[in-house]
Amino acid sequence: MSSPLAYAPTSTTSYTTSKNHEQYHQEITKSTLIKTSLHKNIYESLAEIYSIIPTLELLENSFLKDFITDKEIYTNISYRLINQFQIILKSFKDNTEKFNLLQTILGGVLDSELTNFLKLFSNKFDLHDYSKAINRLVVGVPATIEHLSTQVESSSHHTPPPVIVASGSNNDTNDNAPASTSSARLIAQITGNFITCMDAVKLNYLTKEKLHPVLSNLVVGINDLVENDNHKELEFNGKSKLVSWLIKLNNLGEIEELNQTDAEQFLNDLDVAYKGFYSSLE
């Protein structure tokens, strides 16, 4: 009978236990990960981001393959997901303890604005298959807004439609230049304010305190957009109604609310203005 191979264990084989065996055989439980309420808060926030990314990836692929043909629906859903991500990210930036612990969990050095957060997060949790979603979160606006310049500068028209730019941007060198990044972000903010305002009315937040700040930001944002060829304010169906509602809300008392009839009319006017605004960009 041949003898066993040198590396094969036998009845006479002896071994010694490593001094660090407890370190390698320690059971990983929830309590070992979530040591404090701060740990719990951060892990819950990371879990939210972890759920946002595959959802956004599915949305991007569906829009790219024309499974979603309604641009308005895509824009609304995309903007909501981006906004949720940005709110979570802001909570990390605004709290030093969270920021420091987040670096420990991700195993890397974060910059102060968290611009490298997604890179560290995707490396830590192996999210490299969701490149479209990660790119969308980095850009910060839906694809319909990002590629606005392509829609505006359609070569199929003999007379090109006016390019929409932010009133503070400098485009003197080329009047037909694509919409700047700041313009795209401003359009995204306006879209978000439309959605927020309509959601507030649907949820019966009808006081001056709730509605006036959002509607005010919406009107100011719209007024900051100008047509590049004549530097006039952007005009569209329903815009004047927004100003009228701003005045009406401003005249409400502190605890006074819009009645149900006014609320329904306000929601309808917002919907008309939103569609008119969106159509003016195409």
Protein backbone atom coordinates (compact mmCIF):
# COMPACT_ATOMS: atom_id res chain seq x y z
CA MET A 1 0.00 0.00 0.00
CA SER A 2 1.43 3.34 -1.02
CA SER A 3 1.98 6.00 1.59
CA PRO A 4 -0.35 9.09 1.61
CA LEU A 5 0.69 12.26 -0.13
CA ALA A 6 2.71 14.66 1.98
CA TYR A 7 0.00 17.28 2.17
CA ALA A 8 -2.84 14.81 3.04
CA PRO A 9 -3.90 14.68 6.72
CA THR A 10 -3.39 11.38 8.61
CA SER A 11 -4.26 10.08 12.03
CA THR A 12 -0.93 11.31 13.33
CA THR A 13 -1.15 14.79 11.80
CA SER A 14 -0.95 17.56 14.38
CA TYR A 15 -1.80 21.23 14.11
CA THR A 16 -1.81 24.29 16.31
CA THR A 17 -4.64 26.80 16.64
CA SER A 18 -3.88 30.30 15.39
CA LYS A 19 -3.74 32.96 18.04
CA ASN A 20 -6.13 35.03 15.89
CA HIS A 21 -8.66 32.25 15.27
CA GLU A 22 -11.43 34.16 17.09
CA GLN A 23 -11.00 37.07 14.69
CA TYR A 24 -11.56 34.86 11.64
CA HIS A 25 -14.37 32.71 13.03
CA GLN A 26 -16.44 35.45 14.64
CA GLU A 27 -20.08 35.31 13.51
CA ILE A 28 -21.27 38.43 11.68
CA THR A 29 -24.60 39.53 13.13
CA LYS A 30 -26.77 42.62 12.87
CA SER A 31 -25.38 43.88 16.17
CA THR A 32 -21.79 43.70 14.88
CA LEU A 33 -22.69 46.00 11.98
CA ILE A 34 -25.19 48.31 13.67
CA LYS A 35 -23.39 49.32 16.83
CA THR A 36 -25.14 52.67 17.39
CA SER A 37 -28.21 54.56 16.20
CA LEU A 38 -25.91 56.51 13.87
CA HIS A 39 -24.77 53.26 12.23
CA LYS A 40 -28.43 52.27 11.81
CA ASN A 41 -29.29 55.61 10.23
CA ILE A 42 -26.44 55.43 7.72
CA TYR A 43 -27.08 51.82 6.74
CA GLU A 44 -30.77 52.60 6.19
CA SER A 45 -29.81 55.57 3.99
CA LEU A 46 -27.36 53.42 2.01
CA ALA A 47 -30.09 50.79 1.60
CA GLU A 48 -32.35 53.49 0.10
CA ILE A 49 -29.63 54.46 -2.38
CA TYR A 50 -29.03 50.78 -3.12
CA SER A 51 -32.71 50.45 -4.07
CA ILE A 52 -32.79 53.69 -6.09
CA ILE A 53 -29.95 52.65 -8.41
CA PRO A 54 -31.45 49.46 -9.93
CA THR A 55 -34.85 51.19 -10.18
CA LEU A 56 -33.30 54.07 -12.09
CA GLU A 57 -31.33 51.64 -14.27
CA LEU A 58 -34.58 49.91 -15.24
CA LEU A 59 -36.17 53.28 -16.00
CA GLU A 60 -33.22 54.36 -18.18
CA ASN A 61 -33.24 51.09 -20.14
CA SER A 62 -37.02 51.25 -20.59
CA PHE A 63 -36.81 54.81 -21.91
CA LEU A 64 -33.86 53.98 -24.16
CA LYS A 65 -35.72 50.99 -25.69
CA ASP A 66 -38.98 52.94 -26.10
CA PHE A 67 -40.88 50.85 -23.56
CA ILE A 68 -41.68 54.25 -22.02
CA THR A 69 -42.79 56.55 -24.83
CA ASP A 70 -44.28 59.32 -22.70
CA LYS A 71 -41.44 61.76 -22.01
CA GLU A 72 -43.39 63.47 -19.25
CA ILE A 73 -43.79 60.24 -17.30
CA TYR A 74 -40.09 59.41 -17.69
CA THR A 75 -39.06 62.93 -16.63
CA ASN A 76 -41.28 62.90 -13.52
CA ILE A 77 -40.11 59.47 -12.29
CA SER A 78 -36.46 60.15 -13.09
CA TYR A 79 -36.53 63.52 -11.36
CA ARG A 80 -38.13 62.01 -8.23
CA LEU A 81 -35.45 59.30 -7.97
CA ILE A 82 -32.65 61.83 -8.51
CA ASN A 83 -34.19 64.14 -5.93
CA GLN A 84 -34.45 61.32 -3.35
CA PHE A 85 -30.77 60.49 -3.89
CA GLN A 86 -29.72 64.13 -3.53
CA ILE A 87 -31.69 64.54 -0.30
CA ILE A 88 -29.93 61.52 1.23
CA LEU A 89 -26.55 62.78 0.01
CA LYS A 90 -27.21 66.20 1.55
CA SER A 91 -27.93 64.58 4.92
CA PHE A 92 -24.42 63.06 4.80
CA LYS A 93 -22.79 66.40 3.95
CA ASP A 94 -24.63 68.31 6.66
CA ASN A 95 -23.54 66.03 9.52
CA THR A 96 -19.83 65.65 10.33
CA GLU A 97 -20.33 62.44 12.34
CA LYS A 98 -22.26 60.85 9.50
CA PHE A 99 -19.67 61.99 6.99
CA ASN A 100 -16.77 60.46 8.97
CA LEU A 101 -18.56 57.18 9.64
CA LEU A 102 -19.62 56.97 5.98
CA GLN A 103 -15.95 57.11 4.96
CA THR A 104 -15.19 54.23 7.30
CA ILE A 105 -18.03 52.11 5.92
CA LEU A 106 -17.13 52.80 2.28
CA GLY A 107 -13.43 52.31 2.92
CA GLY A 108 -12.23 55.42 1.13
CA VAL A 109 -11.69 59.16 1.41
CA LEU A 110 -14.70 61.25 0.38
CA ASP A 111 -14.30 64.79 -0.88
CA SER A 112 -16.26 67.53 0.86
CA GLU A 113 -18.95 67.68 -1.85
CA LEU A 114 -19.26 63.87 -2.07
CA THR A 115 -18.59 63.96 -5.82
CA ASN A 116 -16.77 60.61 -5.54
CA PHE A 117 -19.47 58.98 -3.37
CA LEU A 118 -21.01 56.95 -6.21
CA LYS A 119 -17.62 55.62 -7.27
CA LEU A 120 -16.81 54.40 -3.75
CA PHE A 121 -20.35 53.13 -3.21
CA SER A 122 -20.43 51.13 -6.46
CA ASN A 123 -16.97 49.66 -5.70
CA LYS A 124 -17.98 48.70 -2.17
CA PHE A 125 -21.25 47.02 -3.14
CA ASP A 126 -20.33 45.84 -6.65
CA LEU A 127 -22.82 47.98 -8.61
CA HIS A 128 -20.85 48.16 -11.85
CA ASP A 129 -23.76 46.68 -13.83
CA TYR A 130 -25.81 49.84 -13.25
CA SER A 131 -23.72 52.30 -15.24
CA LYS A 132 -26.71 54.14 -16.78
CA ALA A 133 -28.29 54.81 -13.39
CA ILE A 134 -25.00 55.96 -11.87
CA ASN A 135 -24.38 58.28 -14.81
CA ARG A 136 -27.89 59.74 -14.44
CA LEU A 137 -27.29 60.44 -10.74
CA VAL A 138 -23.93 62.06 -11.55
CA VAL A 139 -25.49 64.28 -14.25
CA GLY A 140 -28.30 65.18 -11.86
CA VAL A 141 -31.04 65.74 -14.47
CA PRO A 142 -33.25 63.41 -16.56
CA ALA A 143 -32.15 62.50 -20.10
CA THR A 144 -34.96 64.59 -21.56
CA ILE A 145 -33.44 67.68 -19.93
CA GLU A 146 -29.80 66.74 -20.56
CA HIS A 147 -30.39 66.40 -24.29
CA LEU A 148 -32.60 69.45 -24.53
CA SER A 149 -30.21 71.18 -26.93
CA THR A 150 -30.71 68.38 -29.46
CA GLN A 151 -34.47 68.88 -29.30
CA VAL A 152 -34.22 72.66 -29.53
CA GLU A 153 -31.71 72.76 -32.40
CA SER A 154 -33.60 70.42 -34.73
CA SER A 155 -32.00 70.61 -38.18
CA SER A 156 -35.32 69.66 -39.80
CA HIS A 157 -36.58 73.26 -39.45
CA HIS A 158 -35.62 75.95 -41.94
CA THR A 159 -35.92 78.54 -39.18
CA PRO A 160 -34.38 77.12 -36.00
CA PRO A 161 -36.51 77.51 -32.87
CA PRO A 162 -35.11 79.81 -30.18
CA VAL A 163 -32.49 78.28 -27.92
CA ILE A 164 -33.49 78.48 -24.28
CA VAL A 165 -30.77 79.67 -21.91
CA ALA A 166 -30.51 80.93 -18.38
CA SER A 167 -30.73 84.71 -18.26
CA GLY A 168 -27.40 84.96 -16.43
CA SER A 169 -25.40 82.86 -18.91
CA ASN A 170 -22.98 84.30 -21.46
CA ASN A 171 -23.58 83.05 -24.99
CA ASP A 172 -22.57 86.10 -27.05
CA THR A 173 -19.98 84.14 -29.02
CA ASN A 174 -22.54 81.79 -30.53
CA ASP A 175 -26.26 82.60 -30.56
CA ASN A 176 -27.15 79.05 -31.60
CA ALA A 177 -24.99 77.31 -28.98
CA PRO A 178 -26.56 74.37 -27.14
CA ALA A 179 -28.30 75.06 -23.84
CA SER A 180 -25.68 75.33 -21.11
CA THR A 181 -25.41 72.98 -18.16
CA SER A 182 -26.77 75.73 -15.89
CA SER A 183 -29.81 76.11 -18.17
CA ALA A 184 -30.45 72.36 -18.08
CA ARG A 185 -30.26 72.36 -14.30
CA LEU A 186 -32.59 75.37 -14.10
CA ILE A 187 -35.11 73.57 -16.32
CA ALA A 188 -34.83 70.51 -14.06
CA GLN A 189 -35.45 72.71 -11.00
CA ILE A 190 -38.52 74.24 -12.64
CA THR A 191 -39.80 70.76 -13.50
CA GLY A 192 -39.25 69.70 -9.90
CA ASN A 193 -41.09 72.76 -8.57
CA PHE A 194 -44.04 72.02 -10.85
CA ILE A 195 -44.18 68.44 -9.55
CA THR A 196 -43.74 69.48 -5.90
CA CYS A 197 -46.47 72.12 -6.16
CA MET A 198 -48.95 69.73 -7.79
CA ASP A 199 -48.17 67.02 -5.23
CA ALA A 200 -48.71 69.50 -2.37
CA VAL A 201 -52.17 70.42 -3.67
CA LYS A 202 -53.08 66.74 -4.16
CA LEU A 203 -52.06 66.09 -0.53
CA ASN A 204 -54.26 68.99 0.63
CA TYR A 205 -51.39 71.21 1.74
CA LEU A 206 -53.40 74.31 0.94
CA THR A 207 -52.03 76.99 3.27
CA LYS A 208 -49.96 80.00 2.28
CA GLU A 209 -47.03 78.63 4.29
CA LYS A 210 -46.94 75.40 2.27
CA LEU A 211 -47.72 76.62 -1.25
CA HIS A 212 -46.34 80.15 -1.56
CA PRO A 213 -42.59 79.32 -1.26
CA VAL A 214 -42.78 76.54 -3.87
CA LEU A 215 -44.88 78.55 -6.33
CA SER A 216 -42.63 81.57 -5.80
CA ASN A 217 -39.52 79.52 -6.65
CA LEU A 218 -41.34 78.16 -9.69
CA VAL A 219 -42.25 81.61 -11.05
CA VAL A 220 -38.76 83.01 -10.35
CA GLY A 221 -37.15 80.04 -12.12
CA ILE A 222 -39.39 80.46 -15.17
CA ASN A 223 -38.55 84.16 -15.35
CA ASP A 224 -34.84 83.32 -15.32
CA LEU A 225 -35.21 81.46 -18.63
CA VAL A 226 -34.93 83.55 -21.77
CA GLU A 227 -34.99 82.93 -25.52
CA ASN A 228 -31.41 83.31 -26.77
CA ASP A 229 -32.27 84.98 -30.08
CA ASN A 230 -34.15 87.96 -28.63
CA HIS A 231 -33.45 87.74 -24.88
CA LYS A 232 -37.17 87.82 -24.07
CA GLU A 233 -38.77 85.89 -21.26
CA LEU A 234 -40.04 82.45 -22.21
CA GLU A 235 -43.79 82.58 -22.91
CA PHE A 236 -46.12 79.59 -22.86
CA ASN A 237 -49.76 78.70 -22.28
CA GLY A 238 -50.77 79.04 -18.62
CA LYS A 239 -47.80 81.13 -17.44
CA SER A 240 -49.88 84.20 -16.53
CA LYS A 241 -52.17 82.06 -14.34
CA LEU A 242 -49.20 81.13 -12.15
CA VAL A 243 -48.57 84.79 -11.34
CA SER A 244 -52.26 85.28 -10.53
CA TRP A 245 -52.18 82.34 -8.12
CA LEU A 246 -49.01 83.68 -6.51
CA ILE A 247 -50.80 86.95 -5.80
CA LYS A 248 -53.86 85.10 -4.47
CA LEU A 249 -51.75 82.96 -2.14
CA ASN A 250 -49.86 86.02 -0.94
CA ASN A 251 -53.16 87.60 0.13
CA LEU A 252 -54.21 84.58 2.22
CA GLY A 253 -54.05 84.81 6.01
CA GLU A 254 -51.47 82.79 7.92
CA ILE A 255 -53.91 80.00 8.84
CA GLU A 256 -56.28 80.45 5.90
CA GLU A 257 -56.49 77.70 3.26
CA LEU A 258 -57.66 77.48 -0.33
CA ASN A 259 -61.17 76.05 -0.50
CA GLN A 260 -61.79 72.85 -2.44
CA THR A 261 -63.01 74.67 -5.56
CA ASP A 262 -59.91 76.89 -5.65
CA ALA A 263 -57.67 73.89 -5.01
CA GLU A 264 -59.10 72.01 -7.98
CA GLN A 265 -58.78 75.05 -10.22
CA PHE A 266 -55.21 75.69 -9.04
CA LEU A 267 -54.27 72.08 -9.78
CA ASN A 268 -55.81 72.32 -13.24
CA ASP A 269 -53.97 75.59 -13.98
CA LEU A 270 -50.70 74.04 -12.81
CA ASP A 271 -51.24 71.08 -15.13
CA VAL A 272 -51.98 73.37 -18.11
CA ALA A 273 -48.92 75.52 -17.36
CA TYR A 274 -46.68 72.46 -16.91
CA LYS A 275 -47.70 71.03 -20.26
CA GLY A 276 -47.32 74.45 -21.89
CA PHE A 277 -43.85 74.87 -20.38
CA TYR A 278 -42.77 71.42 -21.50
CA SER A 279 -44.11 72.00 -25.04
CA SER A 280 -42.23 75.29 -25.31
CA LEU A 281 -38.92 73.42 -24.87
CA GLU A 282 -39.47 71.02 -27.73
